[in-house]
Amino acid sequence: MPDLETRELRYFVAVAEELHFRRAAERLGIAQPPLSRAVRQLERRLGVQLLERGSRGVTLTDAGTVLLGEARTVLDAISAATKRTRRAGTSRQPLVLATKAGASHELLRQLLDAVADEPAIGPLEVRLCEVGEQAGLLRSGAADVAIMHRPVDDLAGFDTAELFTEGQVAVVPAAHPLARRDEVTLADVRDVAGLPMARWPRLDGTYPGGPGPEVRTQSQIAQLVALGKTLLVIPASSRAWQWPEHAAVPVTDAPRITTVLAWPAGTRSPAIMALARVASG
């Protein structure tokens, strides 16, 4: 069977995301009939039905759901390869480092100081992002490397260099009774605090169940903690964004978190290798 073409994957992803051929055609800037023919041809080549067609639109079959995930990965990889190749071919383009805003602040400061003395790395551009966004920035080519955390971040498909391992702290309102303790346990956080845990989105954008507020940004969680509406447990080094209205208390039995430098697997950029050496040294 011939290899799938990038054009076919783009067409299929548009239909699978819109669940409507007309809207997908408008999004792609083409007429609907050739789009329909292309998807039919793709199904014939694969020997499976990808879409269930109906008067109100389309739905994905099990095979279609699988191809949608794989196609997104392939298209992201092609886009990332294009961006990185162009950057590599342009003299002294900055290496883009993604990191959560407020996380690993001291590490980031040390890295920037060290990079100034490493000509092999060149200029380093810092891209601050929200929780869980580093993986997407790496896969899309918007970032070359990222500071991430194991086991909480999505590290699938990345090479990593371990930087340090640390404990976690509970960030609670400064006036909360737990704020007066030297340390707490996860049971204290769950059963004694009387505050719900904030809920961050999963990789697919949905939220886990629970009573806590749904949050997407550091500023949201910071204000909700200060207002006494929630608490959270985070790596100790991530408390750089802590407000005066917050208190951070060590959680003795929380899983330890390892901070890593991550980049797309197989990448052998001299600048990235030099940065990994400096960061882990």
Protein backbone atom coordinates (compact mmCIF):
# COMPACT_ATOMS: atom_id res chain seq x y z
CA MET A 1 0.00 0.00 0.00
CA PRO A 2 1.43 3.46 -0.90
CA ASP A 3 2.39 5.74 1.95
CA LEU A 4 -0.19 8.25 3.12
CA GLU A 5 0.24 11.78 1.82
CA THR A 6 0.38 14.89 3.96
CA ARG A 7 -2.47 16.43 1.93
CA GLU A 8 -4.70 13.43 2.66
CA LEU A 9 -4.00 13.69 6.37
CA ARG A 10 -4.75 17.41 6.43
CA TYR A 11 -8.03 16.83 4.63
CA PHE A 12 -9.05 14.02 6.96
CA VAL A 13 -8.14 15.98 10.12
CA ALA A 14 -10.24 18.94 8.97
CA VAL A 15 -13.29 16.71 8.43
CA ALA A 16 -12.69 14.79 11.67
CA GLU A 17 -12.43 18.00 13.70
CA GLU A 18 -15.34 19.81 12.04
CA LEU A 19 -17.50 16.65 11.72
CA HIS A 20 -19.00 18.30 8.66
CA PHE A 21 -17.72 18.20 5.05
CA ARG A 22 -18.91 21.68 4.08
CA ARG A 23 -17.32 23.38 7.09
CA ALA A 24 -14.13 21.36 6.57
CA ALA A 25 -14.00 22.42 2.91
CA GLU A 26 -14.44 26.07 3.87
CA ARG A 27 -11.67 25.73 6.46
CA LEU A 28 -9.34 24.22 3.86
CA GLY A 29 -10.32 26.70 1.14
CA ILE A 30 -11.39 24.03 -1.35
CA ALA A 31 -14.66 22.81 -2.84
CA GLN A 32 -16.60 20.10 -1.03
CA PRO A 33 -16.74 17.45 -3.82
CA PRO A 34 -12.95 16.97 -4.14
CA LEU A 35 -12.68 16.82 -0.34
CA SER A 36 -15.31 14.08 -0.20
CA ARG A 37 -13.56 12.16 -2.98
CA ALA A 38 -10.19 12.46 -1.23
CA VAL A 39 -11.55 11.05 2.02
CA ARG A 40 -13.31 8.20 0.16
CA GLN A 41 -10.06 7.39 -1.61
CA LEU A 42 -8.22 7.41 1.71
CA GLU A 43 -10.73 4.92 3.14
CA ARG A 44 -10.31 2.65 0.10
CA ARG A 45 -6.54 2.72 0.37
CA LEU A 46 -6.63 1.90 4.06
CA GLY A 47 -9.36 -0.68 3.66
CA VAL A 48 -11.38 0.68 6.60
CA GLN A 49 -14.26 3.07 7.15
CA LEU A 50 -13.10 6.23 8.88
CA LEU A 51 -16.38 8.16 9.03
CA GLU A 52 -20.05 7.42 9.53
CA ARG A 53 -21.93 9.77 7.22
CA GLY A 54 -25.40 11.09 8.03
CA SER A 55 -27.78 13.90 7.13
CA ARG A 56 -26.60 15.99 10.09
CA GLY A 57 -22.91 15.52 9.56
CA VAL A 58 -20.39 12.80 10.26
CA THR A 59 -19.04 10.87 13.23
CA LEU A 60 -15.75 9.08 13.64
CA THR A 61 -15.50 5.31 13.61
CA ASP A 62 -13.00 3.59 15.92
CA ALA A 63 -10.53 3.49 13.03
CA GLY A 64 -11.15 7.17 12.34
CA THR A 65 -10.45 8.07 15.96
CA VAL A 66 -7.11 6.26 15.78
CA LEU A 67 -6.14 7.95 12.52
CA LEU A 68 -7.09 11.38 13.87
CA GLY A 69 -4.66 11.03 16.77
CA GLU A 70 -1.89 9.65 14.54
CA ALA A 71 -2.47 12.24 11.81
CA ARG A 72 -2.27 15.13 14.29
CA THR A 73 1.04 13.75 15.54
CA VAL A 74 2.42 13.42 12.01
CA LEU A 75 1.31 16.88 10.92
CA ASP A 76 2.72 18.44 14.10
CA ALA A 77 6.03 16.65 13.48
CA ILE A 78 6.20 17.93 9.89
CA SER A 79 5.45 21.48 11.02
CA ALA A 80 8.04 21.23 13.79
CA ALA A 81 10.68 19.85 11.39
CA THR A 82 10.06 22.77 9.03
CA LYS A 83 10.41 25.37 11.78
CA ARG A 84 13.54 23.81 13.29
CA THR A 85 15.22 23.37 9.90
CA ARG A 86 14.62 27.00 9.02
CA ARG A 87 15.99 28.12 12.39
CA ALA A 88 19.05 25.89 11.97
CA GLY A 89 19.74 27.41 8.57
CA THR A 90 19.63 30.96 9.88
CA SER A 91 22.78 32.19 11.58
CA ARG A 92 22.55 32.76 15.32
CA GLN A 93 18.84 32.13 15.65
CA PRO A 94 17.95 31.88 19.34
CA LEU A 95 17.31 28.54 21.00
CA VAL A 96 13.74 28.70 22.32
CA LEU A 97 13.29 27.37 25.86
CA ALA A 98 9.74 26.84 27.14
CA THR A 99 8.96 26.78 30.84
CA LYS A 100 5.96 27.26 33.09
CA ALA A 101 5.65 30.82 34.32
CA GLY A 102 6.76 30.93 37.95
CA ALA A 103 8.24 27.40 37.94
CA SER A 104 11.94 26.61 38.42
CA HIS A 105 12.73 30.32 38.65
CA GLU A 106 16.14 29.90 40.28
CA LEU A 107 17.13 27.20 37.78
CA LEU A 108 16.12 29.44 34.90
CA ARG A 109 18.16 32.33 36.27
CA GLN A 110 21.22 30.07 36.63
CA LEU A 111 20.78 28.74 33.11
CA LEU A 112 20.64 32.22 31.62
CA ASP A 113 23.82 33.16 33.48
CA ALA A 114 25.60 29.99 32.32
CA VAL A 115 24.52 30.37 28.70
CA ALA A 116 26.26 33.74 28.53
CA ASP A 117 29.59 31.89 28.90
CA GLU A 118 28.79 29.11 26.37
CA PRO A 119 29.28 30.22 22.75
CA ALA A 120 28.14 26.79 21.49
CA ILE A 121 24.62 27.50 22.76
CA GLY A 122 24.15 30.95 21.33
CA PRO A 123 21.28 33.23 22.29
CA LEU A 124 18.55 31.69 24.45
CA GLU A 125 14.96 32.91 24.15
CA VAL A 126 12.63 32.10 27.07
CA ARG A 127 8.99 31.36 26.27
CA LEU A 128 6.83 31.38 29.39
CA CYS A 129 3.70 29.24 29.25
CA GLU A 130 0.94 27.82 31.41
CA VAL A 131 0.78 24.43 33.11
CA GLY A 132 1.11 21.50 30.70
CA GLU A 133 1.76 23.56 27.56
CA GLN A 134 5.46 22.69 27.12
CA ALA A 135 4.84 19.37 25.35
CA GLY A 136 2.64 20.99 22.72
CA LEU A 137 5.18 23.75 22.12
CA LEU A 138 7.94 21.18 21.60
CA ARG A 139 5.86 18.99 19.28
CA SER A 140 4.76 21.94 17.16
CA GLY A 141 8.30 23.33 16.82
CA ALA A 142 7.41 26.53 18.66
CA ALA A 143 10.08 25.63 21.25
CA ASP A 144 13.35 23.71 20.96
CA VAL A 145 13.73 22.63 24.58
CA ALA A 146 11.62 22.84 27.73
CA ILE A 147 11.91 22.64 31.48
CA MET A 148 9.43 19.96 32.56
CA HIS A 149 8.63 17.77 35.54
CA ARG A 150 8.48 14.00 35.91
CA PRO A 151 6.03 12.32 36.56
CA VAL A 152 3.43 15.09 36.16
CA ASP A 153 4.25 16.36 32.63
CA ASP A 154 3.78 14.56 29.32
CA LEU A 155 7.28 13.40 28.31
CA ALA A 156 6.28 10.90 25.60
CA GLY A 157 8.53 11.25 22.56
CA PHE A 158 11.16 13.39 24.24
CA ASP A 159 14.76 12.87 25.29
CA THR A 160 15.54 14.29 28.73
CA ALA A 161 18.39 15.28 31.03
CA GLU A 162 17.62 15.11 34.74
CA LEU A 163 18.41 18.30 36.63
CA PHE A 164 17.25 17.81 40.23
CA THR A 165 14.66 16.05 42.38
CA GLU A 166 12.69 17.74 45.13
CA GLY A 167 9.70 17.43 47.43
CA GLN A 168 6.35 19.18 47.15
CA VAL A 169 4.59 21.85 49.17
CA ALA A 170 0.95 22.64 49.84
CA VAL A 171 0.12 26.24 48.96
CA VAL A 172 -2.72 27.39 51.25
CA PRO A 173 -4.19 30.76 52.29
CA ALA A 174 -1.85 32.47 54.75
CA ALA A 175 -4.63 32.64 57.37
CA HIS A 176 -5.46 28.92 57.09
CA PRO A 177 -4.72 26.71 60.15
CA LEU A 178 -2.40 24.47 58.08
CA ALA A 179 -0.22 27.51 57.35
CA ARG A 180 0.98 27.43 60.97
CA ARG A 181 2.35 23.89 60.68
CA ASP A 182 5.95 22.99 59.88
CA GLU A 183 4.81 20.13 57.64
CA VAL A 184 1.65 18.30 56.56
CA THR A 185 0.67 14.99 54.94
CA LEU A 186 -1.49 14.30 51.90
CA ALA A 187 -4.18 13.12 54.33
CA ASP A 188 -4.07 16.54 56.00
CA VAL A 189 -4.46 18.21 52.62
CA ARG A 190 -7.34 15.94 51.67
CA ASP A 191 -9.22 15.54 54.96
CA VAL A 192 -8.20 18.32 57.37
CA ALA A 193 -7.74 21.40 55.20
CA GLY A 194 -11.43 21.80 54.41
CA LEU A 195 -10.58 23.27 51.00
CA PRO A 196 -10.97 21.52 47.62
CA MET A 197 -7.97 20.91 45.38
CA ALA A 198 -7.81 22.98 42.22
CA ARG A 199 -8.41 20.94 39.06
CA TRP A 200 -6.09 21.31 36.05
CA PRO A 201 -7.13 20.12 32.58
CA ARG A 202 -6.02 16.70 31.30
CA LEU A 203 -4.00 16.35 28.08
CA ASP A 204 -7.23 16.22 26.07
CA GLY A 205 -8.48 19.48 27.59
CA THR A 206 -11.14 17.90 29.82
CA TYR A 207 -11.15 18.22 33.60
CA PRO A 208 -11.13 15.44 36.18
CA GLY A 209 -14.18 15.25 38.42
CA GLY A 210 -14.21 16.78 41.87
CA PRO A 211 -15.42 19.75 43.86
CA GLY A 212 -12.43 22.01 43.28
CA PRO A 213 -12.45 24.92 40.83
CA GLU A 214 -11.33 24.41 37.23
CA VAL A 215 -8.18 26.42 36.50
CA ARG A 216 -5.90 26.94 33.52
CA THR A 217 -3.45 29.66 34.58
CA GLN A 218 -1.14 30.46 37.47
CA SER A 219 -2.90 33.79 38.00
CA GLN A 220 -6.26 32.02 38.42
CA ILE A 221 -4.96 29.60 41.03
CA ALA A 222 -3.03 32.32 42.85
CA GLN A 223 -6.11 34.48 43.30
CA LEU A 224 -8.36 31.56 44.27
CA VAL A 225 -5.91 30.45 46.97
CA ALA A 226 -5.63 34.02 48.29
CA LEU A 227 -9.44 34.18 48.47
CA GLY A 228 -9.58 30.96 50.49
CA LYS A 229 -11.38 29.01 47.74
CA THR A 230 -8.82 26.27 47.01
CA LEU A 231 -5.32 24.91 47.64
CA LEU A 232 -2.79 23.02 45.58
CA VAL A 233 0.27 20.80 45.94
CA ILE A 234 3.25 21.72 43.73
CA PRO A 235 7.03 21.19 43.51
CA ALA A 236 8.81 23.28 46.11
CA SER A 237 10.73 25.29 43.50
CA SER A 238 7.49 26.32 41.76
CA ARG A 239 6.47 28.58 44.65
CA ALA A 240 8.34 31.54 43.16
CA TRP A 241 4.98 33.00 42.13
CA GLN A 242 3.66 32.77 45.71
CA TRP A 243 1.72 35.83 46.93
CA PRO A 244 1.98 37.36 50.43
CA GLU A 245 -1.53 35.99 51.00
CA HIS A 246 -0.20 32.43 50.53
CA ALA A 247 1.75 30.03 52.71
CA ALA A 248 3.74 27.01 51.49
CA VAL A 249 3.98 24.01 53.79
CA PRO A 250 6.11 20.90 52.98
CA VAL A 251 4.06 17.75 52.27
CA THR A 252 6.08 14.91 53.76
CA ASP A 253 4.57 12.00 51.84
CA ALA A 254 3.90 13.63 48.45
CA PRO A 255 5.67 12.00 45.46
CA ARG A 256 9.01 13.58 44.72
CA ILE A 257 9.25 15.55 41.50
CA THR A 258 12.21 15.44 39.10
CA THR A 259 12.85 18.53 36.99
CA VAL A 260 14.21 17.69 33.54
CA LEU A 261 15.32 19.45 30.39
CA ALA A 262 13.36 17.90 27.50
CA TRP A 263 13.68 18.05 23.72
CA PRO A 264 12.29 16.01 20.78
CA ALA A 265 13.73 12.48 20.70
CA GLY A 266 16.54 12.00 18.22
CA THR A 267 17.47 15.68 18.05
CA ARG A 268 21.23 16.14 18.02
CA SER A 269 21.50 19.90 17.75
CA PRO A 270 24.91 21.00 19.10
CA ALA A 271 23.23 23.92 20.86
CA ILE A 272 20.69 21.67 22.61
CA MET A 273 23.35 19.17 23.62
CA ALA A 274 25.47 22.00 25.03
CA LEU A 275 22.50 23.38 26.95
CA ALA A 276 21.71 19.92 28.37
CA ARG A 277 25.32 19.54 29.47
CA VAL A 278 25.35 22.94 31.16
CA ALA A 279 21.95 22.42 32.80
CA SER A 280 22.73 18.96 34.21
CA GLY A 281 26.26 19.86 35.26
